[in-house]
Amino acid sequence: MKMNERKLKDELEKRLKKEGRTFTYDRNKEVLRIENTASGKGIDISLPGIVAKWHDQKDKAIDEVVYYAEEALVVMNREQSVAGSEKNIFPVIRSTSFPVESEDGNKFLTDEHTAETRIYYALDLGKTYRLIDEQFIQKEGLDPGEIREMARFNVRSLPTSMKKDEVAGNDFYFLNTNDGYDASRILNEKFLEETSKNIKGDMAVAVPHQDVLIIADLRNEVGYDVLAQMTMSFFTNGLVPITALSFMYENGKLEPIFIMGKNKRMDDGKGKKT
């Protein structure tokens, strides 16, 4: 274990230590697990990504992890219910490498999205949320179709104001409200369609982590390189990274693209040139 990771592990244990909690460290995966002893429920924290963020953000990176870990551990000990909280159900975007079931084997409610992303569904709990799984659906007597419908309706109600930046003749728009569902706006089809009407070049969309949505109006080849560098930077610094790839948006469809150096675009991994 590297010295920085050792220090990070010790710091997290010190700041999150409470009666009724246990800590275990998987050296091979470089993951610190924190559990509530009574329930056996807990969270896994991957250390390498936080160490990388620490080089840029210092203590802010650790503060952020401690905050979200504390909120998640507290919420795990509470009973949650959808009744009366229908407006708090939202879709969340995750990488296709994200687990499709909880630690105790309950499958999450999911839908396919793109080759790089998958849709999950969450019950917002204020400062954190819980992913909805099959056991929770059965306990609450819910219909998966209704959950999907409520989530899609709720995400369309979220604000979509963006900040704009211009680089080398290309326009980049950033949606970053930090409400936990910035990337989820990619599922607001009406929002994407309306935005596309004002795009003069090629429209690309990126969701490098859960707290940002990037829309690019690419008018020259330099724009593609800028988007690739920008997306990778957000991806490596995000608390919940999703994908470093971008998507071309055309006729309501999203297609992943690989942007290599020297302004070259490659196929999307399915043999299709993009």
C-alpha atoms as a PDB file:
ATOM      1  CA  MET A   1       0.000   0.000   0.000  1.00  0.00           C
ATOM      2  CA  LYS A   2       1.351   3.361  -1.020  1.00  0.00           C
ATOM      3  CA  MET A   3       2.128   5.932   1.637  1.00  0.00           C
ATOM      4  CA  ASN A   4      -0.566   8.346   0.427  1.00  0.00           C
ATOM      5  CA  GLU A   5      -3.179   5.595   0.521  1.00  0.00           C
ATOM      6  CA  ARG A   6      -2.070   4.554   3.992  1.00  0.00           C
ATOM      7  CA  LYS A   7      -2.460   8.104   5.240  1.00  0.00           C
ATOM      8  CA  LEU A   8      -5.845   8.402   3.535  1.00  0.00           C
ATOM      9  CA  LYS A   9      -7.055   5.115   5.038  1.00  0.00           C
ATOM     10  CA  ASP A  10      -5.979   6.224   8.524  1.00  0.00           C
ATOM     11  CA  GLU A  11      -7.580   9.644   8.084  1.00  0.00           C
ATOM     12  CA  LEU A  12     -10.904   8.196   6.930  1.00  0.00           C
ATOM     13  CA  GLU A  13     -10.983   5.716   9.793  1.00  0.00           C
ATOM     14  CA  LYS A  14     -10.233   8.472  12.283  1.00  0.00           C
ATOM     15  CA  ARG A  15     -12.927  10.797  10.992  1.00  0.00           C
ATOM     16  CA  LEU A  16     -15.614   8.167  10.451  1.00  0.00           C
ATOM     17  CA  LYS A  17     -14.973   6.158  13.602  1.00  0.00           C
ATOM     18  CA  LYS A  18     -18.068   5.750  15.767  1.00  0.00           C
ATOM     19  CA  GLU A  19     -19.405   3.179  18.161  1.00  0.00           C
ATOM     20  CA  GLY A  20     -21.043   0.372  16.226  1.00  0.00           C
ATOM     21  CA  ARG A  21     -18.898   0.716  13.109  1.00  0.00           C
ATOM     22  CA  THR A  22     -16.196  -1.603  11.813  1.00  0.00           C
ATOM     23  CA  PHE A  23     -13.494  -1.040   9.196  1.00  0.00           C
ATOM     24  CA  THR A  24     -11.905  -3.600   6.874  1.00  0.00           C
ATOM     25  CA  TYR A  25      -9.384  -3.009   4.107  1.00  0.00           C
ATOM     26  CA  ASP A  26      -8.989  -5.090   0.949  1.00  0.00           C
ATOM     27  CA  ARG A  27      -5.355  -4.647  -0.062  1.00  0.00           C
ATOM     28  CA  ASN A  28      -5.828  -6.216  -3.482  1.00  0.00           C
ATOM     29  CA  LYS A  29      -8.737  -3.967  -4.495  1.00  0.00           C
ATOM     30  CA  GLU A  30      -7.476  -0.987  -2.433  1.00  0.00           C
ATOM     31  CA  VAL A  31     -10.958  -0.565  -0.984  1.00  0.00           C
ATOM     32  CA  LEU A  32     -11.868   0.486   2.550  1.00  0.00           C
ATOM     33  CA  ARG A  33     -15.178  -0.939   3.793  1.00  0.00           C
ATOM     34  CA  ILE A  34     -17.142   0.661   6.612  1.00  0.00           C
ATOM     35  CA  GLU A  35     -20.041  -1.265   8.157  1.00  0.00           C
ATOM     36  CA  ASN A  36     -22.742  -0.639  10.709  1.00  0.00           C
ATOM     37  CA  THR A  37     -22.148  -3.609  13.009  1.00  0.00           C
ATOM     38  CA  ALA A  38     -25.786  -4.130  13.980  1.00  0.00           C
ATOM     39  CA  SER A  39     -27.200  -4.247  10.450  1.00  0.00           C
ATOM     40  CA  GLY A  40     -24.160  -5.484   8.538  1.00  0.00           C
ATOM     41  CA  LYS A  41     -24.846  -2.805   5.943  1.00  0.00           C
ATOM     42  CA  GLY A  42     -22.010  -0.613   4.809  1.00  0.00           C
ATOM     43  CA  ILE A  43     -20.189   1.194   2.037  1.00  0.00           C
ATOM     44  CA  ASP A  44     -17.003   0.595   0.071  1.00  0.00           C
ATOM     45  CA  ILE A  45     -14.597   3.443  -0.576  1.00  0.00           C
ATOM     46  CA  SER A  46     -12.043   3.043  -3.364  1.00  0.00           C
ATOM     47  CA  LEU A  47      -8.885   4.841  -2.249  1.00  0.00           C
ATOM     48  CA  PRO A  48      -6.847   5.349  -5.480  1.00  0.00           C
ATOM     49  CA  GLY A  49      -9.379   7.740  -6.998  1.00  0.00           C
ATOM     50  CA  ILE A  50      -9.487   9.853  -3.845  1.00  0.00           C
ATOM     51  CA  VAL A  51      -5.693   9.967  -3.689  1.00  0.00           C
ATOM     52  CA  ALA A  52      -5.653  11.273  -7.266  1.00  0.00           C
ATOM     53  CA  LYS A  53      -8.168  13.992  -6.358  1.00  0.00           C
ATOM     54  CA  TRP A  54      -6.206  14.854  -3.219  1.00  0.00           C
ATOM     55  CA  HIS A  55      -3.220  15.956  -5.337  1.00  0.00           C
ATOM     56  CA  ASP A  56      -5.404  18.724  -6.794  1.00  0.00           C
ATOM     57  CA  GLN A  57      -7.923  19.437  -4.056  1.00  0.00           C
ATOM     58  CA  LYS A  58      -6.033  18.472  -0.876  1.00  0.00           C
ATOM     59  CA  ASP A  59      -8.269  18.249   2.205  1.00  0.00           C
ATOM     60  CA  LYS A  60     -11.372  19.210   0.224  1.00  0.00           C
ATOM     61  CA  ALA A  61     -11.280  15.813  -1.478  1.00  0.00           C
ATOM     62  CA  ILE A  62     -11.273  14.034   1.889  1.00  0.00           C
ATOM     63  CA  ASP A  63     -13.933  16.330   3.355  1.00  0.00           C
ATOM     64  CA  GLU A  64     -16.242  15.496   0.473  1.00  0.00           C
ATOM     65  CA  VAL A  65     -15.827  11.728   0.891  1.00  0.00           C
ATOM     66  CA  VAL A  66     -16.342  11.915   4.662  1.00  0.00           C
ATOM     67  CA  TYR A  67     -19.516  13.958   4.216  1.00  0.00           C
ATOM     68  CA  TYR A  68     -21.157  11.572   1.763  1.00  0.00           C
ATOM     69  CA  ALA A  69     -19.966   8.466   3.623  1.00  0.00           C
ATOM     70  CA  GLU A  70     -21.398   9.759   6.900  1.00  0.00           C
ATOM     71  CA  GLU A  71     -24.745  10.566   5.313  1.00  0.00           C
ATOM     72  CA  ALA A  72     -24.943   7.159   3.637  1.00  0.00           C
ATOM     73  CA  LEU A  73     -24.080   5.247   6.817  1.00  0.00           C
ATOM     74  CA  VAL A  74     -26.682   7.138   8.855  1.00  0.00           C
ATOM     75  CA  VAL A  75     -29.431   6.638   6.264  1.00  0.00           C
ATOM     76  CA  MET A  76     -28.775   2.893   6.100  1.00  0.00           C
ATOM     77  CA  ASN A  77     -30.131   2.499   9.616  1.00  0.00           C
ATOM     78  CA  ARG A  78     -33.425   4.221   8.794  1.00  0.00           C
ATOM     79  CA  GLU A  79     -36.565   2.743   7.280  1.00  0.00           C
ATOM     80  CA  GLN A  80     -37.369   4.238   3.902  1.00  0.00           C
ATOM     81  CA  SER A  81     -40.734   4.373   2.173  1.00  0.00           C
ATOM     82  CA  VAL A  82     -41.995   5.619  -1.174  1.00  0.00           C
ATOM     83  CA  ALA A  83     -45.448   6.472   0.180  1.00  0.00           C
ATOM     84  CA  GLY A  84     -45.718  10.248   0.172  1.00  0.00           C
ATOM     85  CA  SER A  85     -42.307  10.565  -1.515  1.00  0.00           C
ATOM     86  CA  GLU A  86     -43.293   9.891  -5.119  1.00  0.00           C
ATOM     87  CA  LYS A  87     -41.767  13.209  -6.204  1.00  0.00           C
ATOM     88  CA  ASN A  88     -38.422  12.076  -4.791  1.00  0.00           C
ATOM     89  CA  ILE A  89     -37.874   9.186  -7.206  1.00  0.00           C
ATOM     90  CA  PHE A  90     -35.285   9.935  -9.886  1.00  0.00           C
ATOM     91  CA  PRO A  91     -33.262   8.047 -12.496  1.00  0.00           C
ATOM     92  CA  VAL A  92     -29.498   8.030 -12.042  1.00  0.00           C
ATOM     93  CA  ILE A  93     -26.865   7.286 -14.675  1.00  0.00           C
ATOM     94  CA  ARG A  94     -24.023   4.901 -13.927  1.00  0.00           C
ATOM     95  CA  SER A  95     -21.293   3.155 -15.902  1.00  0.00           C
ATOM     96  CA  THR A  96     -22.114  -0.305 -17.234  1.00  0.00           C
ATOM     97  CA  SER A  97     -19.373  -1.591 -14.920  1.00  0.00           C
ATOM     98  CA  PHE A  98     -21.385  -0.453 -11.880  1.00  0.00           C
ATOM     99  CA  PRO A  99     -22.858  -3.400  -9.874  1.00  0.00           C
ATOM    100  CA  VAL A 100     -26.343  -4.500 -10.918  1.00  0.00           C
ATOM    101  CA  GLU A 101     -27.202  -5.834  -7.470  1.00  0.00           C
ATOM    102  CA  SER A 102     -26.712  -4.789  -3.862  1.00  0.00           C
ATOM    103  CA  GLU A 103     -24.168  -6.364  -1.531  1.00  0.00           C
ATOM    104  CA  ASP A 104     -26.770  -8.811  -0.222  1.00  0.00           C
ATOM    105  CA  GLY A 105     -27.704  -9.972  -3.717  1.00  0.00           C
ATOM    106  CA  ASN A 106     -30.825  -7.903  -4.391  1.00  0.00           C
ATOM    107  CA  LYS A 107     -31.008  -6.828  -8.015  1.00  0.00           C
ATOM    108  CA  PHE A 108     -31.336  -3.116  -8.665  1.00  0.00           C
ATOM    109  CA  LEU A 109     -34.076  -1.851 -10.950  1.00  0.00           C
ATOM    110  CA  THR A 110     -32.172  -0.936 -14.117  1.00  0.00           C
ATOM    111  CA  ASP A 111     -32.653  -0.168 -17.803  1.00  0.00           C
ATOM    112  CA  GLU A 112     -30.217  -0.220 -20.687  1.00  0.00           C
ATOM    113  CA  HIS A 113     -29.143   3.206 -21.929  1.00  0.00           C
ATOM    114  CA  THR A 114     -26.012   3.210 -24.119  1.00  0.00           C
ATOM    115  CA  ALA A 115     -23.029   0.909 -24.572  1.00  0.00           C
ATOM    116  CA  GLU A 116     -21.279   2.919 -21.829  1.00  0.00           C
ATOM    117  CA  THR A 117     -24.101   3.793 -19.437  1.00  0.00           C
ATOM    118  CA  ARG A 118     -26.991   2.178 -17.579  1.00  0.00           C
ATOM    119  CA  ILE A 119     -30.046   3.677 -15.865  1.00  0.00           C
ATOM    120  CA  TYR A 120     -30.729   3.014 -12.174  1.00  0.00           C
ATOM    121  CA  TYR A 121     -33.558   4.380 -10.044  1.00  0.00           C
ATOM    122  CA  ALA A 122     -33.206   6.102  -6.694  1.00  0.00           C
ATOM    123  CA  LEU A 123     -35.288   7.364  -3.804  1.00  0.00           C
ATOM    124  CA  ASP A 124     -33.965  10.769  -2.782  1.00  0.00           C
ATOM    125  CA  LEU A 125     -33.464  11.043   0.990  1.00  0.00           C
ATOM    126  CA  GLY A 126     -32.333  14.651   1.194  1.00  0.00           C
ATOM    127  CA  LYS A 127     -28.563  14.652   1.498  1.00  0.00           C
ATOM    128  CA  THR A 128     -28.202  11.217  -0.069  1.00  0.00           C
ATOM    129  CA  TYR A 129     -30.349   8.597  -1.819  1.00  0.00           C
ATOM    130  CA  ARG A 130     -30.824   4.837  -1.996  1.00  0.00           C
ATOM    131  CA  LEU A 131     -30.916   2.829  -5.177  1.00  0.00           C
ATOM    132  CA  ILE A 132     -34.196   0.965  -5.623  1.00  0.00           C
ATOM    133  CA  ASP A 133     -33.859  -2.819  -5.706  1.00  0.00           C
ATOM    134  CA  GLU A 134     -36.301  -5.697  -6.209  1.00  0.00           C
ATOM    135  CA  GLN A 135     -36.655  -6.390  -2.476  1.00  0.00           C
ATOM    136  CA  PHE A 136     -37.571  -2.756  -1.818  1.00  0.00           C
ATOM    137  CA  ILE A 137     -40.087  -2.851  -4.684  1.00  0.00           C
ATOM    138  CA  GLN A 138     -41.758  -5.948  -3.232  1.00  0.00           C
ATOM    139  CA  LYS A 139     -41.790  -4.578   0.330  1.00  0.00           C
ATOM    140  CA  GLU A 140     -43.412  -1.345  -0.844  1.00  0.00           C
ATOM    141  CA  GLY A 141     -45.827  -3.105  -3.186  1.00  0.00           C
ATOM    142  CA  LEU A 142     -44.594  -1.032  -6.108  1.00  0.00           C
ATOM    143  CA  ASP A 143     -44.908  -1.530  -9.838  1.00  0.00           C
ATOM    144  CA  PRO A 144     -41.557  -1.196 -11.682  1.00  0.00           C
ATOM    145  CA  GLY A 145     -43.294   0.475 -14.595  1.00  0.00           C
ATOM    146  CA  GLU A 146     -44.754   3.146 -12.333  1.00  0.00           C
ATOM    147  CA  ILE A 147     -41.355   3.778 -10.761  1.00  0.00           C
ATOM    148  CA  ARG A 148     -39.840   4.317 -14.198  1.00  0.00           C
ATOM    149  CA  GLU A 149     -42.678   6.639 -15.188  1.00  0.00           C
ATOM    150  CA  MET A 150     -42.425   8.693 -11.979  1.00  0.00           C
ATOM    151  CA  ALA A 151     -38.644   8.972 -12.291  1.00  0.00           C
ATOM    152  CA  ARG A 152     -38.783  10.156 -15.904  1.00  0.00           C
ATOM    153  CA  PHE A 153     -41.503  12.677 -15.036  1.00  0.00           C
ATOM    154  CA  ASN A 154     -39.514  13.995 -12.060  1.00  0.00           C
ATOM    155  CA  VAL A 155     -36.260  14.387 -13.977  1.00  0.00           C
ATOM    156  CA  ARG A 156     -38.084  16.504 -16.559  1.00  0.00           C
ATOM    157  CA  SER A 157     -39.107  18.860 -13.742  1.00  0.00           C
ATOM    158  CA  LEU A 158     -35.492  19.620 -12.768  1.00  0.00           C
ATOM    159  CA  PRO A 159     -33.975  22.970 -13.860  1.00  0.00           C
ATOM    160  CA  THR A 160     -31.797  22.882 -16.972  1.00  0.00           C
ATOM    161  CA  SER A 161     -30.020  26.241 -16.954  1.00  0.00           C
ATOM    162  CA  MET A 162     -26.461  26.001 -18.280  1.00  0.00           C
ATOM    163  CA  LYS A 163     -23.264  28.025 -18.294  1.00  0.00           C
ATOM    164  CA  LYS A 164     -21.550  28.618 -21.612  1.00  0.00           C
ATOM    165  CA  ASP A 165     -17.879  28.720 -22.551  1.00  0.00           C
ATOM    166  CA  GLU A 166     -16.331  29.274 -25.997  1.00  0.00           C
ATOM    167  CA  VAL A 167     -13.067  27.612 -27.031  1.00  0.00           C
ATOM    168  CA  ALA A 168     -11.504  27.939 -30.491  1.00  0.00           C
ATOM    169  CA  GLY A 169     -14.823  28.638 -32.165  1.00  0.00           C
ATOM    170  CA  ASN A 170     -16.677  25.849 -30.354  1.00  0.00           C
ATOM    171  CA  ASP A 171     -19.359  26.348 -27.712  1.00  0.00           C
ATOM    172  CA  PHE A 172     -19.487  24.253 -24.542  1.00  0.00           C
ATOM    173  CA  TYR A 173     -22.452  24.260 -22.165  1.00  0.00           C
ATOM    174  CA  PHE A 174     -22.237  23.015 -18.559  1.00  0.00           C
ATOM    175  CA  LEU A 175     -25.105  21.931 -16.335  1.00  0.00           C
ATOM    176  CA  ASN A 176     -23.787  21.674 -12.776  1.00  0.00           C
ATOM    177  CA  THR A 177     -26.380  22.230 -10.016  1.00  0.00           C
ATOM    178  CA  ASN A 178     -24.840  19.660  -7.625  1.00  0.00           C
ATOM    179  CA  ASP A 179     -28.260  18.222  -6.799  1.00  0.00           C
ATOM    180  CA  GLY A 180     -27.025  14.683  -7.508  1.00  0.00           C
ATOM    181  CA  TYR A 181     -28.935  14.422 -10.797  1.00  0.00           C
ATOM    182  CA  ASP A 182     -26.997  16.582 -13.246  1.00  0.00           C
ATOM    183  CA  ALA A 183     -26.026  13.596 -15.388  1.00  0.00           C
ATOM    184  CA  SER A 184     -29.635  12.356 -15.170  1.00  0.00           C
ATOM    185  CA  ARG A 185     -30.713  15.302 -17.316  1.00  0.00           C
ATOM    186  CA  ILE A 186     -29.379  13.336 -20.278  1.00  0.00           C
ATOM    187  CA  LEU A 187     -32.658  11.392 -19.965  1.00  0.00           C
ATOM    188  CA  ASN A 188     -34.725  14.549 -20.474  1.00  0.00           C
ATOM    189  CA  GLU A 189     -35.407  13.983 -24.161  1.00  0.00           C
ATOM    190  CA  LYS A 190     -37.311  17.230 -24.616  1.00  0.00           C
ATOM    191  CA  PHE A 191     -34.396  19.196 -23.133  1.00  0.00           C
ATOM    192  CA  LEU A 192     -31.895  17.587 -25.521  1.00  0.00           C
ATOM    193  CA  GLU A 193     -34.196  18.085 -28.486  1.00  0.00           C
ATOM    194  CA  GLU A 194     -34.769  21.755 -27.695  1.00  0.00           C
ATOM    195  CA  THR A 195     -31.025  22.304 -27.164  1.00  0.00           C
ATOM    196  CA  SER A 196     -30.207  20.656 -30.495  1.00  0.00           C
ATOM    197  CA  LYS A 197     -32.239  23.302 -32.327  1.00  0.00           C
ATOM    198  CA  ASN A 198     -29.669  25.936 -31.323  1.00  0.00           C
ATOM    199  CA  ILE A 199     -26.618  23.843 -32.258  1.00  0.00           C
ATOM    200  CA  LYS A 200     -24.864  25.093 -35.382  1.00  0.00           C
ATOM    201  CA  GLY A 201     -22.265  22.321 -35.698  1.00  0.00           C
ATOM    202  CA  ASP A 202     -22.247  18.752 -34.382  1.00  0.00           C
ATOM    203  CA  MET A 203     -23.937  18.173 -31.031  1.00  0.00           C
ATOM    204  CA  ALA A 204     -22.081  16.061 -28.468  1.00  0.00           C
ATOM    205  CA  VAL A 205     -23.139  15.204 -24.927  1.00  0.00           C
ATOM    206  CA  ALA A 206     -20.957  14.012 -22.038  1.00  0.00           C
ATOM    207  CA  VAL A 207     -21.669  12.758 -18.514  1.00  0.00           C
ATOM    208  CA  PRO A 208     -18.179  12.208 -17.052  1.00  0.00           C
ATOM    209  CA  HIS A 209     -19.545  12.082 -13.504  1.00  0.00           C
ATOM    210  CA  GLN A 210     -22.923  12.339 -11.802  1.00  0.00           C
ATOM    211  CA  ASP A 211     -22.647  16.046 -10.994  1.00  0.00           C
ATOM    212  CA  VAL A 212     -22.139  17.465 -14.469  1.00  0.00           C
ATOM    213  CA  LEU A 213     -23.695  17.332 -17.921  1.00  0.00           C
ATOM    214  CA  ILE A 214     -21.725  18.792 -20.825  1.00  0.00           C
ATOM    215  CA  ILE A 215     -23.234  19.700 -24.175  1.00  0.00           C
ATOM    216  CA  ALA A 216     -20.873  20.704 -26.966  1.00  0.00           C
ATOM    217  CA  ASP A 217     -21.532  22.574 -30.208  1.00  0.00           C
ATOM    218  CA  LEU A 218     -18.569  21.301 -32.226  1.00  0.00           C
ATOM    219  CA  ARG A 219     -17.796  23.366 -35.290  1.00  0.00           C
ATOM    220  CA  ASN A 220     -14.225  22.315 -36.061  1.00  0.00           C
ATOM    221  CA  GLU A 221     -11.840  19.451 -35.351  1.00  0.00           C
ATOM    222  CA  VAL A 222     -10.139  21.269 -32.486  1.00  0.00           C
ATOM    223  CA  GLY A 223     -13.441  21.116 -30.634  1.00  0.00           C
ATOM    224  CA  TYR A 224     -13.314  17.334 -30.521  1.00  0.00           C
ATOM    225  CA  ASP A 225      -9.896  17.342 -28.845  1.00  0.00           C
ATOM    226  CA  VAL A 226     -11.018  19.990 -26.355  1.00  0.00           C
ATOM    227  CA  LEU A 227     -14.109  17.914 -25.500  1.00  0.00           C
ATOM    228  CA  ALA A 228     -12.011  14.769 -25.012  1.00  0.00           C
ATOM    229  CA  GLN A 229      -9.586  16.527 -22.658  1.00  0.00           C
ATOM    230  CA  MET A 230     -12.399  18.244 -20.804  1.00  0.00           C
ATOM    231  CA  THR A 231     -14.378  15.034 -20.321  1.00  0.00           C
ATOM    232  CA  MET A 232     -11.346  13.108 -19.067  1.00  0.00           C
ATOM    233  CA  SER A 233     -10.546  15.871 -16.581  1.00  0.00           C
ATOM    234  CA  PHE A 234     -14.075  15.818 -15.150  1.00  0.00           C
ATOM    235  CA  PHE A 235     -14.094  12.010 -15.122  1.00  0.00           C
ATOM    236  CA  THR A 236     -10.902  11.712 -13.076  1.00  0.00           C
ATOM    237  CA  ASN A 237     -12.021  14.360 -10.581  1.00  0.00           C
ATOM    238  CA  GLY A 238     -15.638  13.308 -10.072  1.00  0.00           C
ATOM    239  CA  LEU A 239     -16.848  11.745  -6.834  1.00  0.00           C
ATOM    240  CA  VAL A 240     -19.025   9.308  -8.803  1.00  0.00           C
ATOM    241  CA  PRO A 241     -17.366   8.903 -12.226  1.00  0.00           C
ATOM    242  CA  ILE A 242     -19.472   7.557 -15.089  1.00  0.00           C
ATOM    243  CA  THR A 243     -17.630   7.580 -18.422  1.00  0.00           C
ATOM    244  CA  ALA A 244     -14.792   9.497 -20.058  1.00  0.00           C
ATOM    245  CA  LEU A 245     -16.377   8.961 -23.478  1.00  0.00           C
ATOM    246  CA  SER A 246     -18.671  11.456 -25.151  1.00  0.00           C
ATOM    247  CA  PHE A 247     -21.791  10.835 -27.212  1.00  0.00           C
ATOM    248  CA  MET A 248     -22.859  12.242 -30.547  1.00  0.00           C
ATOM    249  CA  TYR A 249     -26.508  13.322 -30.483  1.00  0.00           C
ATOM    250  CA  GLU A 250     -28.483  13.079 -33.691  1.00  0.00           C
ATOM    251  CA  ASN A 251     -32.189  12.507 -34.287  1.00  0.00           C
ATOM    252  CA  GLY A 252     -32.779  11.690 -30.642  1.00  0.00           C
ATOM    253  CA  LYS A 253     -30.044   9.030 -30.564  1.00  0.00           C
ATOM    254  CA  LEU A 254     -26.838   8.924 -28.503  1.00  0.00           C
ATOM    255  CA  GLU A 255     -23.804   7.133 -29.928  1.00  0.00           C
ATOM    256  CA  PRO A 256     -20.535   6.832 -27.950  1.00  0.00           C
ATOM    257  CA  ILE A 257     -17.418   8.105 -29.690  1.00  0.00           C
ATOM    258  CA  PHE A 258     -13.727   7.592 -29.039  1.00  0.00           C
ATOM    259  CA  ILE A 259     -11.755  10.763 -29.668  1.00  0.00           C
ATOM    260  CA  MET A 260      -8.068  10.018 -30.185  1.00  0.00           C
ATOM    261  CA  GLY A 261      -5.202  12.478 -30.533  1.00  0.00           C
ATOM    262  CA  LYS A 262      -4.588  14.483 -33.674  1.00  0.00           C
ATOM    263  CA  ASN A 263      -8.294  15.316 -34.034  1.00  0.00           C
ATOM    264  CA  LYS A 264      -9.305  11.782 -35.022  1.00  0.00           C
ATOM    265  CA  ARG A 265     -12.636  10.190 -34.227  1.00  0.00           C
ATOM    266  CA  MET A 266     -12.856   6.418 -34.073  1.00  0.00           C
ATOM    267  CA  ASP A 267     -15.784   4.015 -34.172  1.00  0.00           C
ATOM    268  CA  ASP A 268     -18.019   3.344 -31.213  1.00  0.00           C
ATOM    269  CA  GLY A 269     -16.800  -0.202 -30.582  1.00  0.00           C
ATOM    270  CA  LYS A 270     -19.614  -1.747 -32.650  1.00  0.00           C
ATOM    271  CA  GLY A 271     -17.980  -1.263 -36.013  1.00  0.00           C
ATOM    272  CA  LYS A 272     -19.915   1.912 -36.712  1.00  0.00           C
ATOM    273  CA  LYS A 273     -17.996   5.012 -37.718  1.00  0.00           C
ATOM    274  CA  THR A 274     -19.067   8.113 -35.836  1.00  0.00           C
END
